[in-house]
Amino acid sequence: MATLFTKIIEGELPGRFVWSDELAVGFLSINPLGPGHTLVVPRAEVDQWVDADDELLGHLHRVSHRVAEAVRAVWQPPRVAMIIAGFEVPHLHLHVYPAWKLDDFDFRNAASDPDPAELDRHADSLRTALREAGHTAHVPS
């Protein structure tokens, strides 16, 4: 059975994509811990990060790093967080988002009903920053 993330990747469910390549995608979380909270997800259905091979993990890390650079450029937080938790959806995903304090790492503080227009603005800001950083080939329209 396809995971929720596979359905988003395949366009069966909506997603605010900021990155797309042959191995991975990045799209905004619907329960963000901060502005621009992006999930970096492999196209392949891999449940846990320890099940992924080194090449895929390396690629996901590189994509997360590009997204993190865009997050830092847009929101200028003191830290850009990256978390691999995996309890929400059984499909490997890396959370990348700005963090201003330790409470920003607590999933209990995630927004439960974010404004869709604000999410759209955040996605647009990240896509712009990624394009300006030279990653246009991987930034969806």
N, C-alpha and C. Protein backbone atom coordinates (compact mmCIF):
# COMPACT_ATOMS: atom_id res chain seq x y z
N MET A 1 0.84 -1.18 0.00
CA MET A 1 0.00 0.00 0.00
C MET A 1 0.88 1.24 0.00
N ALA A 2 0.55 2.19 -0.85
CA ALA A 2 1.32 3.43 -0.96
C ALA A 2 1.18 4.25 0.32
N THR A 3 2.29 4.87 0.72
CA THR A 3 2.24 5.73 1.90
C THR A 3 1.60 7.07 1.53
N LEU A 4 1.25 7.82 2.55
CA LEU A 4 0.73 9.18 2.36
C LEU A 4 1.70 10.01 1.53
N PHE A 5 2.99 9.86 1.81
CA PHE A 5 3.99 10.65 1.09
C PHE A 5 4.09 10.22 -0.37
N THR A 6 3.95 8.93 -0.64
CA THR A 6 3.95 8.47 -2.03
C THR A 6 2.77 9.07 -2.78
N LYS A 7 1.64 9.16 -2.13
CA LYS A 7 0.46 9.76 -2.77
C LYS A 7 0.69 11.24 -3.06
N ILE A 8 1.40 11.93 -2.18
CA ILE A 8 1.73 13.34 -2.43
C ILE A 8 2.73 13.43 -3.59
N ILE A 9 3.76 12.59 -3.57
CA ILE A 9 4.78 12.60 -4.61
C ILE A 9 4.16 12.32 -5.98
N GLU A 10 3.22 11.41 -6.02
CA GLU A 10 2.59 11.02 -7.30
C GLU A 10 1.44 11.94 -7.71
N GLY A 11 1.16 12.97 -6.90
CA GLY A 11 0.14 13.95 -7.25
C GLY A 11 -1.28 13.53 -6.91
N GLU A 12 -1.44 12.43 -6.19
CA GLU A 12 -2.77 12.00 -5.78
C GLU A 12 -3.31 12.87 -4.65
N LEU A 13 -2.41 13.45 -3.88
CA LEU A 13 -2.75 14.39 -2.81
C LEU A 13 -1.94 15.67 -3.05
N PRO A 14 -2.46 16.82 -2.66
CA PRO A 14 -1.73 18.07 -2.91
C PRO A 14 -0.49 18.20 -2.03
N GLY A 15 0.47 18.92 -2.54
CA GLY A 15 1.69 19.21 -1.80
C GLY A 15 2.30 20.50 -2.30
N ARG A 16 2.96 21.23 -1.42
CA ARG A 16 3.64 22.47 -1.78
C ARG A 16 5.12 22.14 -1.97
N PHE A 17 5.48 21.75 -3.19
CA PHE A 17 6.83 21.29 -3.48
C PHE A 17 7.80 22.45 -3.65
N VAL A 18 8.98 22.28 -3.07
CA VAL A 18 10.04 23.26 -3.25
C VAL A 18 11.27 22.63 -3.91
N TRP A 19 11.31 21.30 -3.99
CA TRP A 19 12.43 20.58 -4.60
C TRP A 19 11.90 19.32 -5.26
N SER A 20 12.51 18.94 -6.39
CA SER A 20 12.17 17.69 -7.04
C SER A 20 13.34 17.24 -7.91
N ASP A 21 13.79 16.01 -7.70
CA ASP A 21 14.80 15.42 -8.57
C ASP A 21 14.49 13.94 -8.72
N GLU A 22 15.37 13.20 -9.33
CA GLU A 22 15.08 11.80 -9.63
C GLU A 22 15.00 10.90 -8.39
N LEU A 23 15.60 11.30 -7.29
CA LEU A 23 15.62 10.47 -6.08
C LEU A 23 14.78 11.01 -4.92
N ALA A 24 14.54 12.32 -4.91
CA ALA A 24 13.91 12.91 -3.73
C ALA A 24 13.05 14.12 -4.09
N VAL A 25 12.19 14.47 -3.15
CA VAL A 25 11.40 15.69 -3.25
C VAL A 25 11.46 16.41 -1.91
N GLY A 26 11.12 17.67 -1.95
CA GLY A 26 10.95 18.45 -0.74
C GLY A 26 9.63 19.18 -0.83
N PHE A 27 8.80 19.03 0.20
CA PHE A 27 7.53 19.75 0.23
C PHE A 27 7.25 20.21 1.65
N LEU A 28 6.42 21.25 1.76
CA LEU A 28 6.14 21.81 3.08
C LEU A 28 5.29 20.88 3.93
N SER A 29 5.57 20.88 5.21
CA SER A 29 4.78 20.12 6.19
C SER A 29 3.43 20.81 6.38
N ILE A 30 2.39 20.01 6.55
CA ILE A 30 1.08 20.58 6.84
C ILE A 30 0.91 20.86 8.33
N ASN A 31 1.89 20.44 9.13
CA ASN A 31 1.93 20.72 10.57
C ASN A 31 3.30 21.28 10.93
N PRO A 32 3.58 22.50 10.47
CA PRO A 32 4.94 23.02 10.60
C PRO A 32 5.36 23.37 12.03
N LEU A 33 6.64 23.15 12.27
CA LEU A 33 7.26 23.59 13.53
C LEU A 33 7.79 25.01 13.40
N GLY A 34 7.80 25.52 12.20
CA GLY A 34 8.25 26.88 11.94
C GLY A 34 7.99 27.22 10.49
N PRO A 35 8.20 28.48 10.11
CA PRO A 35 7.94 28.87 8.72
C PRO A 35 8.86 28.10 7.77
N GLY A 36 8.29 27.65 6.67
CA GLY A 36 9.09 26.95 5.67
C GLY A 36 9.47 25.53 6.04
N HIS A 37 8.86 24.97 7.07
CA HIS A 37 9.17 23.60 7.50
C HIS A 37 8.98 22.66 6.31
N THR A 38 10.08 22.11 5.84
CA THR A 38 10.10 21.27 4.65
C THR A 38 10.43 19.83 5.02
N LEU A 39 9.73 18.91 4.37
CA LEU A 39 10.03 17.48 4.50
C LEU A 39 10.80 17.06 3.26
N VAL A 40 11.98 16.51 3.45
CA VAL A 40 12.77 15.98 2.34
C VAL A 40 12.55 14.47 2.36
N VAL A 41 11.99 13.96 1.25
CA VAL A 41 11.47 12.59 1.20
C VAL A 41 12.02 11.86 -0.01
N PRO A 42 12.50 10.64 0.16
CA PRO A 42 12.90 9.88 -1.03
C PRO A 42 11.67 9.45 -1.82
N ARG A 43 11.82 9.35 -3.13
CA ARG A 43 10.73 8.84 -3.96
C ARG A 43 10.47 7.37 -3.64
N ALA A 44 11.51 6.64 -3.34
CA ALA A 44 11.38 5.22 -2.99
C ALA A 44 10.75 5.11 -1.61
N GLU A 45 9.89 4.13 -1.44
CA GLU A 45 9.25 3.92 -0.13
C GLU A 45 10.20 3.16 0.79
N VAL A 46 10.93 3.93 1.58
CA VAL A 46 11.83 3.40 2.59
C VAL A 46 11.24 3.81 3.92
N ASP A 47 11.03 2.86 4.82
CA ASP A 47 10.37 3.18 6.07
C ASP A 47 11.28 3.97 7.01
N GLN A 48 12.40 3.40 7.39
CA GLN A 48 13.28 4.02 8.39
C GLN A 48 14.62 4.39 7.75
N TRP A 49 15.25 5.41 8.31
CA TRP A 49 16.51 5.86 7.74
C TRP A 49 17.58 4.79 7.80
N VAL A 50 17.53 3.91 8.77
CA VAL A 50 18.53 2.84 8.85
C VAL A 50 18.34 1.79 7.77
N ASP A 51 17.21 1.82 7.07
CA ASP A 51 16.96 0.89 5.96
C ASP A 51 17.43 1.44 4.62
N ALA A 52 17.78 2.71 4.57
CA ALA A 52 18.23 3.34 3.33
C ALA A 52 19.72 3.07 3.11
N ASP A 53 20.11 2.94 1.85
CA ASP A 53 21.53 2.74 1.58
C ASP A 53 22.28 4.07 1.69
N ASP A 54 23.59 3.97 1.75
CA ASP A 54 24.43 5.14 1.96
C ASP A 54 24.26 6.20 0.86
N GLU A 55 24.09 5.76 -0.38
CA GLU A 55 23.93 6.72 -1.47
C GLU A 55 22.66 7.53 -1.32
N LEU A 56 21.55 6.87 -0.99
CA LEU A 56 20.30 7.59 -0.80
C LEU A 56 20.39 8.53 0.40
N LEU A 57 20.94 8.06 1.50
CA LEU A 57 21.09 8.92 2.68
C LEU A 57 21.94 10.15 2.36
N GLY A 58 23.02 9.93 1.61
CA GLY A 58 23.87 11.05 1.23
C GLY A 58 23.12 12.05 0.37
N HIS A 59 22.33 11.54 -0.56
CA HIS A 59 21.55 12.42 -1.42
C HIS A 59 20.53 13.22 -0.60
N LEU A 60 19.81 12.54 0.29
CA LEU A 60 18.82 13.22 1.13
C LEU A 60 19.49 14.29 1.98
N HIS A 61 20.68 14.01 2.48
CA HIS A 61 21.40 15.00 3.27
C HIS A 61 21.78 16.20 2.41
N ARG A 62 22.25 15.96 1.19
CA ARG A 62 22.61 17.07 0.31
C ARG A 62 21.39 17.93 -0.02
N VAL A 63 20.26 17.29 -0.32
CA VAL A 63 19.05 18.06 -0.60
C VAL A 63 18.63 18.85 0.65
N SER A 64 18.67 18.20 1.81
CA SER A 64 18.33 18.89 3.06
C SER A 64 19.24 20.09 3.29
N HIS A 65 20.49 19.95 2.94
CA HIS A 65 21.44 21.04 3.11
C HIS A 65 21.08 22.21 2.20
N ARG A 66 20.72 21.94 0.95
CA ARG A 66 20.29 23.00 0.03
C ARG A 66 19.04 23.71 0.57
N VAL A 67 18.08 22.92 1.05
CA VAL A 67 16.86 23.50 1.62
C VAL A 67 17.20 24.32 2.87
N ALA A 68 18.09 23.80 3.70
CA ALA A 68 18.48 24.51 4.92
C ALA A 68 19.14 25.85 4.59
N GLU A 69 19.95 25.88 3.54
CA GLU A 69 20.56 27.15 3.12
C GLU A 69 19.48 28.15 2.71
N ALA A 70 18.45 27.68 2.03
CA ALA A 70 17.34 28.56 1.63
C ALA A 70 16.56 29.03 2.85
N VAL A 71 16.30 28.13 3.80
CA VAL A 71 15.60 28.50 5.04
C VAL A 71 16.40 29.59 5.76
N ARG A 72 17.70 29.40 5.86
CA ARG A 72 18.54 30.39 6.54
C ARG A 72 18.52 31.73 5.81
N ALA A 73 18.57 31.70 4.49
CA ALA A 73 18.55 32.93 3.71
C ALA A 73 17.24 33.69 3.87
N VAL A 74 16.12 32.96 3.92
CA VAL A 74 14.80 33.61 3.98
C VAL A 74 14.48 34.11 5.39
N TRP A 75 14.66 33.27 6.41
CA TRP A 75 14.20 33.62 7.76
C TRP A 75 15.32 34.02 8.72
N GLN A 76 16.55 33.77 8.38
CA GLN A 76 17.71 34.14 9.18
C GLN A 76 17.59 33.73 10.65
N PRO A 77 17.24 32.48 10.92
CA PRO A 77 17.15 32.02 12.31
C PRO A 77 18.54 31.75 12.88
N PRO A 78 18.66 31.66 14.20
CA PRO A 78 19.96 31.32 14.79
C PRO A 78 20.40 29.89 14.46
N ARG A 79 19.44 29.01 14.19
CA ARG A 79 19.73 27.62 13.82
C ARG A 79 18.74 27.16 12.76
N VAL A 80 19.18 26.23 11.92
CA VAL A 80 18.27 25.53 11.02
C VAL A 80 18.28 24.08 11.51
N ALA A 81 17.10 23.60 11.87
CA ALA A 81 16.97 22.26 12.43
C ALA A 81 16.83 21.22 11.33
N MET A 82 17.33 20.02 11.62
CA MET A 82 17.07 18.86 10.79
C MET A 82 16.83 17.69 11.73
N ILE A 83 15.67 17.09 11.59
CA ILE A 83 15.28 15.98 12.45
C ILE A 83 14.80 14.82 11.58
N ILE A 84 15.22 13.62 11.95
CA ILE A 84 14.65 12.41 11.37
C ILE A 84 13.91 11.72 12.51
N ALA A 85 12.59 11.73 12.47
CA ALA A 85 11.80 11.12 13.54
C ALA A 85 11.12 9.86 13.03
N GLY A 86 10.21 10.01 12.09
CA GLY A 86 9.62 8.86 11.45
C GLY A 86 8.40 8.25 12.09
N PHE A 87 7.87 8.86 13.13
CA PHE A 87 6.68 8.29 13.77
C PHE A 87 5.39 8.71 13.06
N GLU A 88 5.42 9.83 12.33
CA GLU A 88 4.20 10.38 11.75
C GLU A 88 3.74 9.58 10.53
N VAL A 89 4.66 9.23 9.66
CA VAL A 89 4.36 8.52 8.41
C VAL A 89 5.45 7.47 8.22
N PRO A 90 5.10 6.23 7.88
CA PRO A 90 6.12 5.19 7.71
C PRO A 90 6.84 5.29 6.36
N HIS A 91 7.42 6.45 6.11
CA HIS A 91 8.17 6.72 4.88
C HIS A 91 9.26 7.70 5.30
N LEU A 92 10.50 7.31 5.16
CA LEU A 92 11.64 8.13 5.56
C LEU A 92 11.45 9.58 5.13
N HIS A 93 11.68 10.50 6.07
CA HIS A 93 11.62 11.93 5.75
C HIS A 93 12.46 12.72 6.74
N LEU A 94 13.10 13.76 6.24
CA LEU A 94 13.92 14.64 7.05
C LEU A 94 13.19 15.97 7.19
N HIS A 95 13.01 16.40 8.42
CA HIS A 95 12.37 17.68 8.71
C HIS A 95 13.45 18.76 8.68
N VAL A 96 13.25 19.82 7.90
CA VAL A 96 14.19 20.94 7.83
C VAL A 96 13.38 22.22 8.06
N TYR A 97 13.79 23.01 9.06
CA TYR A 97 13.02 24.21 9.39
C TYR A 97 13.85 25.15 10.26
N PRO A 98 13.45 26.43 10.34
CA PRO A 98 14.17 27.37 11.18
C PRO A 98 13.85 27.13 12.66
N ALA A 99 14.86 27.36 13.51
CA ALA A 99 14.66 27.20 14.95
C ALA A 99 15.26 28.40 15.67
N TRP A 100 14.47 28.94 16.58
CA TRP A 100 14.92 30.08 17.38
C TRP A 100 15.18 29.69 18.83
N LYS A 101 14.58 28.60 19.28
CA LYS A 101 14.76 28.16 20.67
C LYS A 101 14.57 26.65 20.75
N LEU A 102 14.94 26.06 21.87
CA LEU A 102 14.86 24.62 22.03
C LEU A 102 13.43 24.09 21.91
N ASP A 103 12.44 24.88 22.32
CA ASP A 103 11.04 24.46 22.20
C ASP A 103 10.63 24.22 20.75
N ASP A 104 11.37 24.80 19.80
CA ASP A 104 11.06 24.61 18.38
C ASP A 104 11.33 23.18 17.92
N PHE A 105 11.94 22.37 18.76
CA PHE A 105 12.22 20.97 18.41
C PHE A 105 11.14 20.02 18.94
N ASP A 106 10.15 20.56 19.60
CA ASP A 106 9.10 19.74 20.21
C ASP A 106 7.91 19.64 19.27
N PHE A 107 7.64 18.43 18.77
CA PHE A 107 6.55 18.23 17.82
C PHE A 107 5.18 18.56 18.41
N ARG A 108 5.09 18.62 19.72
CA ARG A 108 3.82 19.04 20.33
C ARG A 108 3.52 20.50 20.05
N ASN A 109 4.52 21.25 19.61
CA ASN A 109 4.35 22.67 19.29
C ASN A 109 4.07 22.91 17.81
N ALA A 110 3.90 21.86 17.04
CA ALA A 110 3.63 22.01 15.61
C ALA A 110 2.25 22.64 15.40
N ALA A 111 2.16 23.47 14.39
CA ALA A 111 0.87 24.11 14.05
C ALA A 111 -0.10 23.04 13.57
N SER A 112 -1.31 23.05 14.12
CA SER A 112 -2.30 22.04 13.73
C SER A 112 -3.22 22.53 12.62
N ASP A 113 -3.30 23.83 12.42
CA ASP A 113 -4.20 24.37 11.40
C ASP A 113 -3.58 25.64 10.79
N PRO A 114 -2.44 25.47 10.09
CA PRO A 114 -1.78 26.67 9.54
C PRO A 114 -2.59 27.29 8.41
N ASP A 115 -2.39 28.58 8.21
CA ASP A 115 -3.07 29.32 7.15
C ASP A 115 -2.52 28.87 5.79
N PRO A 116 -3.37 28.33 4.91
CA PRO A 116 -2.90 27.87 3.60
C PRO A 116 -2.20 28.97 2.79
N ALA A 117 -2.68 30.19 2.87
CA ALA A 117 -2.05 31.29 2.13
C ALA A 117 -0.64 31.55 2.65
N GLU A 118 -0.47 31.43 3.97
CA GLU A 118 0.86 31.61 4.54
C GLU A 118 1.80 30.48 4.09
N LEU A 119 1.30 29.24 4.07
CA LEU A 119 2.11 28.13 3.57
C LEU A 119 2.51 28.36 2.12
N ASP A 120 1.60 28.85 1.31
CA ASP A 120 1.91 29.16 -0.08
C ASP A 120 3.01 30.20 -0.17
N ARG A 121 2.94 31.24 0.66
CA ARG A 121 3.97 32.29 0.66
C ARG A 121 5.32 31.70 1.07
N HIS A 122 5.31 30.83 2.07
CA HIS A 122 6.56 30.21 2.52
C HIS A 122 7.17 29.36 1.41
N ALA A 123 6.33 28.58 0.72
CA ALA A 123 6.83 27.75 -0.37
C ALA A 123 7.42 28.63 -1.47
N ASP A 124 6.73 29.71 -1.81
CA ASP A 124 7.23 30.64 -2.83
C ASP A 124 8.57 31.24 -2.42
N SER A 125 8.69 31.61 -1.15
CA SER A 125 9.95 32.18 -0.65
C SER A 125 11.09 31.19 -0.76
N LEU A 126 10.83 29.94 -0.40
CA LEU A 126 11.88 28.92 -0.49
C LEU A 126 12.25 28.63 -1.95
N ARG A 127 11.26 28.53 -2.81
CA ARG A 127 11.56 28.29 -4.23
C ARG A 127 12.41 29.43 -4.80
N THR A 128 12.07 30.66 -4.45
CA THR A 128 12.85 31.81 -4.91
C THR A 128 14.29 31.73 -4.41
N ALA A 129 14.46 31.44 -3.13
CA ALA A 129 15.81 31.34 -2.55
C ALA A 129 16.60 30.20 -3.19
N LEU A 130 15.95 29.08 -3.44
CA LEU A 130 16.64 27.95 -4.08
C LEU A 130 17.05 28.30 -5.51
N ARG A 131 16.19 28.98 -6.23
CA ARG A 131 16.54 29.41 -7.59
C ARG A 131 17.71 30.38 -7.56
N GLU A 132 17.65 31.35 -6.63
CA GLU A 132 18.72 32.34 -6.53
C GLU A 132 20.05 31.69 -6.16
N ALA A 133 20.00 30.54 -5.49
CA ALA A 133 21.22 29.82 -5.11
C ALA A 133 21.72 28.91 -6.23
N GLY A 134 21.03 28.92 -7.37
CA GLY A 134 21.49 28.15 -8.51
C GLY A 134 20.89 26.77 -8.68
N HIS A 135 19.79 26.49 -8.00
CA HIS A 135 19.18 25.16 -8.06
C HIS A 135 17.91 25.11 -8.89
N THR A 136 17.81 26.02 -9.86
CA THR A 136 16.58 26.13 -10.66
C THR A 136 16.13 24.80 -11.26
N ALA A 137 17.07 23.98 -11.70
CA ALA A 137 16.71 22.70 -12.34
C ALA A 137 15.92 21.79 -11.42
N HIS A 138 16.02 22.00 -10.11
CA HIS A 138 15.34 21.12 -9.15
C HIS A 138 14.17 21.80 -8.45
N VAL A 139 13.85 23.02 -8.86
CA VAL A 139 12.77 23.76 -8.20
C VAL A 139 11.53 23.72 -9.09
N PRO A 140 10.46 23.08 -8.61
CA PRO A 140 9.23 23.02 -9.40
C PRO A 140 8.61 24.40 -9.59
N SER A 141 7.86 24.55 -10.66
CA SER A 141 7.19 25.82 -10.93
C SER A 141 6.06 26.06 -9.97
